[in-house]
Protein backbone atom coordinates (compact mmCIF):
# COMPACT_ATOMS: atom_id res chain seq x y z
CA MET A 1 45.59 27.78 131.07
CA ILE A 2 43.37 30.27 129.18
CA ASP A 3 41.91 28.88 126.25
CA PRO A 4 40.32 31.82 123.95
CA ALA A 5 38.50 29.30 122.30
CA HIS A 6 36.46 27.91 125.11
CA ASP A 7 32.75 27.57 126.01
CA LEU A 8 33.86 29.79 129.33
CA PRO A 9 33.92 33.36 128.80
CA ILE A 10 37.38 34.57 129.60
CA LYS A 11 36.52 36.75 132.74
CA GLN A 12 34.74 33.40 133.94
CA GLN A 13 38.25 31.28 133.42
CA ALA A 14 40.04 33.90 134.74
CA GLU A 15 37.95 33.96 137.95
CA ALA A 16 37.93 30.29 138.39
CA LEU A 17 41.94 30.13 138.41
CA SER A 18 41.65 33.02 140.75
CA ILE A 19 43.69 35.57 138.92
CA SER A 20 43.42 39.25 137.04
CA ARG A 21 41.14 39.17 133.86
CA SER A 22 44.02 42.24 133.01
CA SER A 23 46.84 39.65 133.42
CA VAL A 24 45.63 37.87 130.49
CA TYR A 25 45.72 40.38 127.72
CA TYR A 26 49.38 41.58 129.05
CA ARG A 27 52.27 41.04 126.98
CA LEU A 28 55.60 41.71 128.27
CA ARG A 29 57.32 44.58 127.14
CA PRO A 30 60.92 44.23 126.06
CA ILE A 31 63.70 46.27 128.02
CA SER A 32 65.07 49.03 125.85
CA ASP A 33 68.51 49.12 124.88
CA GLU A 34 68.85 52.04 127.24
CA ASP A 35 67.99 50.38 130.38
CA LEU A 36 69.74 47.75 129.64
CA TRP A 37 72.72 49.84 129.46
CA LEU A 38 71.69 51.39 132.66
CA MET A 39 71.47 47.63 134.53
CA ARG A 40 75.13 47.22 133.47
CA ARG A 41 76.27 50.29 134.93
CA ILE A 42 74.61 49.81 138.03
CA ASP A 43 75.77 46.25 138.47
CA GLU A 44 79.31 47.79 137.93
CA LEU A 45 78.82 50.68 140.52
CA HIS A 46 77.32 48.11 142.56
CA LEU A 47 80.06 45.35 142.82
CA ASN A 48 82.70 48.27 142.98
CA ASP A 49 80.85 50.22 145.93
CA PRO A 50 78.27 47.77 147.33
CA PHE A 51 77.29 50.32 150.08
CA ALA A 52 75.64 52.40 147.42
CA GLY A 53 71.96 52.70 147.63
CA SER A 54 70.10 54.67 145.03
CA ARG A 55 70.79 57.52 146.36
CA MET A 56 74.78 57.14 145.61
CA LEU A 57 74.12 55.73 142.54
CA ARG A 58 72.20 58.44 141.32
CA ASP A 59 74.98 60.66 142.00
CA LEU A 60 77.97 58.37 141.09
CA LEU A 61 75.79 58.62 137.54
CA GLY A 62 75.28 62.17 137.83
CA GLN A 63 79.49 62.89 137.63
CA GLN A 64 79.41 60.76 134.86
CA GLY A 65 77.22 63.20 133.36
CA LEU A 66 74.37 60.66 133.22
CA LYS A 67 70.98 62.01 134.79
CA VAL A 68 68.86 59.35 136.05
CA GLY A 69 66.27 59.61 138.30
CA ARG A 70 66.80 57.89 141.74
CA ARG A 71 63.33 55.85 141.83
CA HIS A 72 64.33 54.47 138.22
CA ILE A 73 67.84 53.24 139.91
CA ALA A 74 65.51 51.89 142.41
CA THR A 75 63.39 49.85 140.14
CA TRP A 76 66.05 48.02 138.44
CA MET A 77 68.02 47.57 141.48
CA LYS A 78 64.84 44.96 142.76
CA ARG A 79 64.60 43.91 138.94
CA MET A 80 68.64 42.96 139.20
CA CYS A 81 68.13 41.61 143.20
CA ILE A 82 70.74 44.44 144.23
CA GLU A 83 70.62 45.14 147.61
CA ALA A 84 73.32 48.19 149.27
CA ILE A 85 75.02 46.59 152.10
CA TYR A 86 75.87 48.26 155.01
CA ARG A 87 74.03 47.94 159.09
CA ARG A 88 70.55 48.47 158.66
CA LEU A 89 67.37 47.68 161.06
CA ASN A 90 65.92 44.56 161.36
CA THR A 91 64.46 43.94 157.63
CA SER A 92 64.05 40.41 158.28
CA LYS A 93 60.58 40.05 156.87
CA PRO A 94 59.66 36.10 155.60
CA ALA A 95 56.89 35.82 152.88
CA PRO A 96 53.36 35.52 154.72
CA GLY A 97 53.06 31.97 156.21
CA HIS A 98 56.99 31.14 155.70
CA ARG A 99 58.97 30.35 158.59
CA ILE A 100 62.31 32.25 159.11
CA TYR A 101 65.38 30.55 160.70
CA PRO A 102 67.97 31.88 162.77
CA TYR A 103 71.34 32.47 161.83
CA LEU A 104 74.44 29.76 163.22
CA LEU A 105 76.88 31.14 161.71
CA GLY A 106 77.94 34.15 164.03
CA GLY A 107 81.19 33.53 165.86
CA LEU A 108 81.62 30.17 164.35
CA ALA A 109 84.73 29.04 163.03
CA VAL A 110 84.19 27.39 160.21
CA THR A 111 87.28 24.87 159.68
CA ARG A 112 86.58 22.38 157.42
CA PRO A 113 84.90 21.98 153.96
CA ASN A 114 81.32 20.82 154.27
CA GLN A 115 81.07 22.53 157.59
CA ALA A 116 78.57 25.11 155.99
CA TRP A 117 77.62 25.61 152.32
CA ALA A 118 75.75 29.25 151.27
CA MET A 119 73.97 30.12 148.12
CA ASP A 120 73.16 33.12 147.00
CA ILE A 121 71.69 34.81 143.31
CA THR A 122 73.21 37.51 141.00
CA TYR A 123 72.25 39.24 137.76
CA ILE A 124 74.30 38.07 134.66
CA PRO A 125 74.43 40.77 131.68
CA MET A 126 74.07 39.47 128.28
CA ALA A 127 74.29 41.70 124.98
CA ARG A 128 70.52 42.10 124.86
CA GLY A 129 68.79 41.12 128.14
CA PHE A 130 69.87 39.11 131.09
CA VAL A 131 69.78 36.19 133.17
CA TYR A 132 70.34 35.06 136.60
CA LEU A 133 73.11 33.12 138.35
CA ALA A 134 72.46 30.74 141.74
CA ALA A 135 75.37 29.20 142.83
CA VAL A 136 75.80 27.15 146.50
CA VAL A 137 79.13 27.63 147.23
CA ASP A 138 81.25 25.73 150.00
CA TRP A 139 82.48 28.58 152.82
CA PHE A 140 85.49 27.12 153.91
CA SER A 141 86.94 26.43 150.84
CA ARG A 142 85.19 28.81 148.53
CA ARG A 143 84.69 26.08 145.79
CA VAL A 144 81.37 26.66 143.48
CA LEU A 145 79.82 22.99 144.28
CA ALA A 146 76.60 23.65 141.82
CA TRP A 147 75.24 26.74 140.29
CA LYS A 148 71.75 27.49 137.79
CA LEU A 149 71.15 29.60 135.37
CA SER A 150 67.68 31.17 134.47
CA ILE A 151 65.55 33.34 132.70
CA THR A 152 63.38 34.54 135.47
CA MET A 153 63.50 34.49 139.31
CA GLU A 154 61.77 31.72 140.62
CA THR A 155 62.52 29.17 143.20
CA SER A 156 62.69 25.98 140.92
CA PHE A 157 65.97 27.16 139.29
CA CYS A 158 67.62 27.30 142.87
CA ILE A 159 66.09 24.09 143.96
CA GLU A 160 67.78 22.30 141.03
CA ALA A 161 71.10 23.90 142.26
CA LEU A 162 71.02 22.43 145.51
CA GLU A 163 69.95 19.32 143.96
CA GLU A 164 72.93 19.05 141.95
CA ALA A 165 75.46 20.02 145.00
CA LEU A 166 73.65 17.01 147.12
CA SER A 167 73.74 14.60 144.39
CA ARG A 168 77.77 14.47 144.70
CA ASP A 169 77.18 12.35 148.00
CA GLU A 170 78.42 15.45 149.99
CA LYS A 171 76.20 17.48 151.98
CA PRO A 172 77.21 19.99 154.71
CA GLU A 173 76.24 20.60 157.99
CA ILE A 174 75.07 23.76 157.85
CA PHE A 175 73.26 25.60 154.71
CA ASN A 176 72.69 29.30 154.75
CA THR A 177 70.89 31.80 152.90
CA ASP A 178 69.39 34.92 153.03
CA GLN A 179 65.46 35.30 153.28
CA GLY A 180 64.63 35.80 149.78
CA SER A 181 65.37 38.83 147.15
CA GLN A 182 64.08 41.48 149.44
CA PHE A 183 63.53 45.09 148.42
CA ARG A 184 62.36 48.29 150.98
CA GLY A 185 59.31 49.84 149.55
CA PRO A 186 57.36 52.90 150.90
CA ARG A 187 56.96 53.69 154.47
CA ARG A 188 59.90 51.23 155.10
CA GLN A 189 58.05 48.33 154.24
CA VAL A 190 59.85 45.01 153.28
CA PHE A 191 59.00 43.09 150.03
CA VAL A 192 60.00 39.83 149.16
CA ALA A 193 59.91 38.99 145.07
CA GLY A 194 60.80 36.25 143.09
CA VAL A 195 63.49 33.53 144.99
CA GLU A 196 62.36 32.94 148.39
CA PHE A 197 64.76 30.55 149.99
CA THR A 198 61.93 30.17 153.65
CA SER A 199 59.23 28.63 151.05
CA GLU A 200 58.89 24.86 151.93
CA ALA A 201 59.90 24.27 148.43
CA PHE A 202 63.40 25.00 149.15
CA THR A 203 63.65 24.33 152.84
CA GLY A 204 61.92 21.05 152.42
CA LYS A 205 64.51 19.94 150.57
CA LEU A 206 67.32 20.71 153.42
CA LYS A 207 65.02 19.28 155.94
CA GLU A 208 64.74 15.98 153.89
CA GLU A 209 68.78 15.24 154.19
CA GLY A 210 68.72 16.32 157.95
CA ILE A 211 70.70 19.84 157.15
CA THR A 212 70.50 22.45 159.79
CA ILE A 213 68.99 25.82 158.17
CA SER A 214 70.87 28.87 158.74
CA MET A 215 69.81 32.41 156.94
CA ASP A 216 70.86 35.90 157.25
CA GLY A 217 69.57 37.98 159.62
CA LYS A 218 69.49 41.67 161.00
CA GLY A 219 73.08 42.83 161.10
CA ARG A 220 74.62 40.08 158.94
CA TRP A 221 75.52 42.30 156.59
CA ARG A 222 79.54 41.43 156.71
CA ASP A 223 78.37 37.90 155.74
CA ASN A 224 77.25 39.23 151.81
CA VAL A 225 80.87 40.57 151.27
CA PHE A 226 81.97 37.22 151.31
CA VAL A 227 79.74 35.99 148.32
CA GLU A 228 79.96 39.46 146.68
CA ARG A 229 83.68 38.55 146.23
CA ILE A 230 82.92 35.86 144.10
CA TRP A 231 80.29 37.51 141.91
CA LYS A 232 82.74 39.69 141.59
CA SER A 233 85.40 37.71 140.33
CA ILE A 234 83.03 35.97 137.88
CA LYS A 235 81.84 39.07 136.65
CA TYR A 236 85.31 41.27 136.00
CA GLU A 237 87.32 37.96 134.90
CA ASP A 238 84.48 36.46 132.39
CA VAL A 239 81.01 38.23 132.47
CA TYR A 240 82.27 41.47 131.59
CA LEU A 241 84.74 40.34 129.25
CA HIS A 242 81.95 38.58 126.83
CA ALA A 243 79.02 39.90 125.59
CA TYR A 244 76.91 36.99 125.54
CA ALA A 245 74.89 36.59 122.73
CA SER A 246 72.44 34.09 124.22
CA VAL A 247 71.70 31.87 127.48
CA GLN A 248 73.61 29.04 125.68
CA GLU A 249 76.52 30.97 125.30
CA ALA A 250 76.42 32.45 128.61
CA ARG A 251 76.17 28.68 129.93
CA THR A 252 79.15 27.88 128.23
CA SER A 253 81.27 30.48 129.10
CA ILE A 254 80.30 30.72 132.74
CA ALA A 255 80.65 26.81 133.35
CA ARG A 256 84.63 27.65 131.56
CA TYR A 257 85.27 30.42 134.10
CA LEU A 258 83.96 28.04 136.72
CA GLU A 259 86.08 25.51 136.16
CA PHE A 260 89.23 27.58 135.86
CA TYR A 261 88.02 29.36 139.20
CA ASN A 262 87.81 26.11 141.19
CA SER A 263 90.79 24.61 139.93
CA ILE A 264 93.43 26.54 138.78
CA ARG A 265 92.88 30.46 140.08
CA PRO A 266 94.56 30.69 143.02
CA HIS A 267 92.85 32.68 146.03
CA SER A 268 94.95 35.32 147.80
CA SER A 269 92.67 34.28 151.57
CA LEU A 270 93.50 30.57 150.79
CA LYS A 271 97.13 31.25 150.81
CA ALA A 272 97.34 31.33 147.07
CA LEU A 273 95.77 27.49 147.02
CA THR A 274 92.59 26.81 144.48
CA PRO A 275 89.03 26.10 145.92
CA ASP A 276 89.55 22.50 145.04
CA GLN A 277 92.93 22.10 146.57
CA VAL A 278 91.34 22.93 149.66
CA TYR A 279 87.98 21.64 149.11
CA PHE A 280 89.60 17.81 148.56
CA HIS A 281 92.77 18.58 150.37
CA ARG A 282 92.70 19.45 153.85
CA LEU A 283 95.26 22.04 154.80
CA PRO A 284 98.01 21.34 156.87
CA GLU A 285 97.00 24.86 159.36
CA PRO A 286 93.04 25.19 160.02
CA MET A 287 92.04 28.34 158.54
CA ALA A 288 88.50 29.41 159.96
CA ALA A 289 87.01 31.10 157.22
């Protein structure tokens, strides 16, 4: 958008586009090997102890002889979309101008496929760098219906995953997400960064399909554990066993694992059946999720 060869000075071009002139000259700095290793370690600790915040993670790393400041850890937690899971005060703040929706799954017995879908995002480490994984999951069967990888935290790749899930002539009655990638800043303020599930670009797709929108709200910390278990399976059974050399390698390997997860891997909460078996063939006994 900015053309250095244009007759109009860069300052005026930036003003016309409502961006700061300094951002025109900014060059993204590569993440150091030390920080990439730290991010991987934080992710592993979070999967094992999802209730651990930046202070506890600092102390856990300290027990291993690693001295890392709490704020440094908090910075990478924000970048990785990691947040401690525990009951807290109301942190459900949408982006300005975005509507929030009530949580509809509380006390609801989810007893059949396509009654409720959920969507979330996680950080995926590679040999050098990292990517983000977004997945749409059937709440009842735990089947991963669609997924996408992205090198940046943008709403567009989540919309692509949603559209892929809906393209198979199936749709849920209720679609549940959180309200975006949130983190707590100074003075207990809450900010929304990156993906915003409250944006009209995302919720508009659900409205077009006549799907009821549900969003995690105050006190819904337990619901995050359900998706965390899926992330833990993916990471410990594939991601951490393969140091992906490229985004394409990550995409190929994750695709292979999710095929295994859906169709072959028995699931303890599904009476040792696979997500595919539960999704495509109704169980003889009701299993409320």
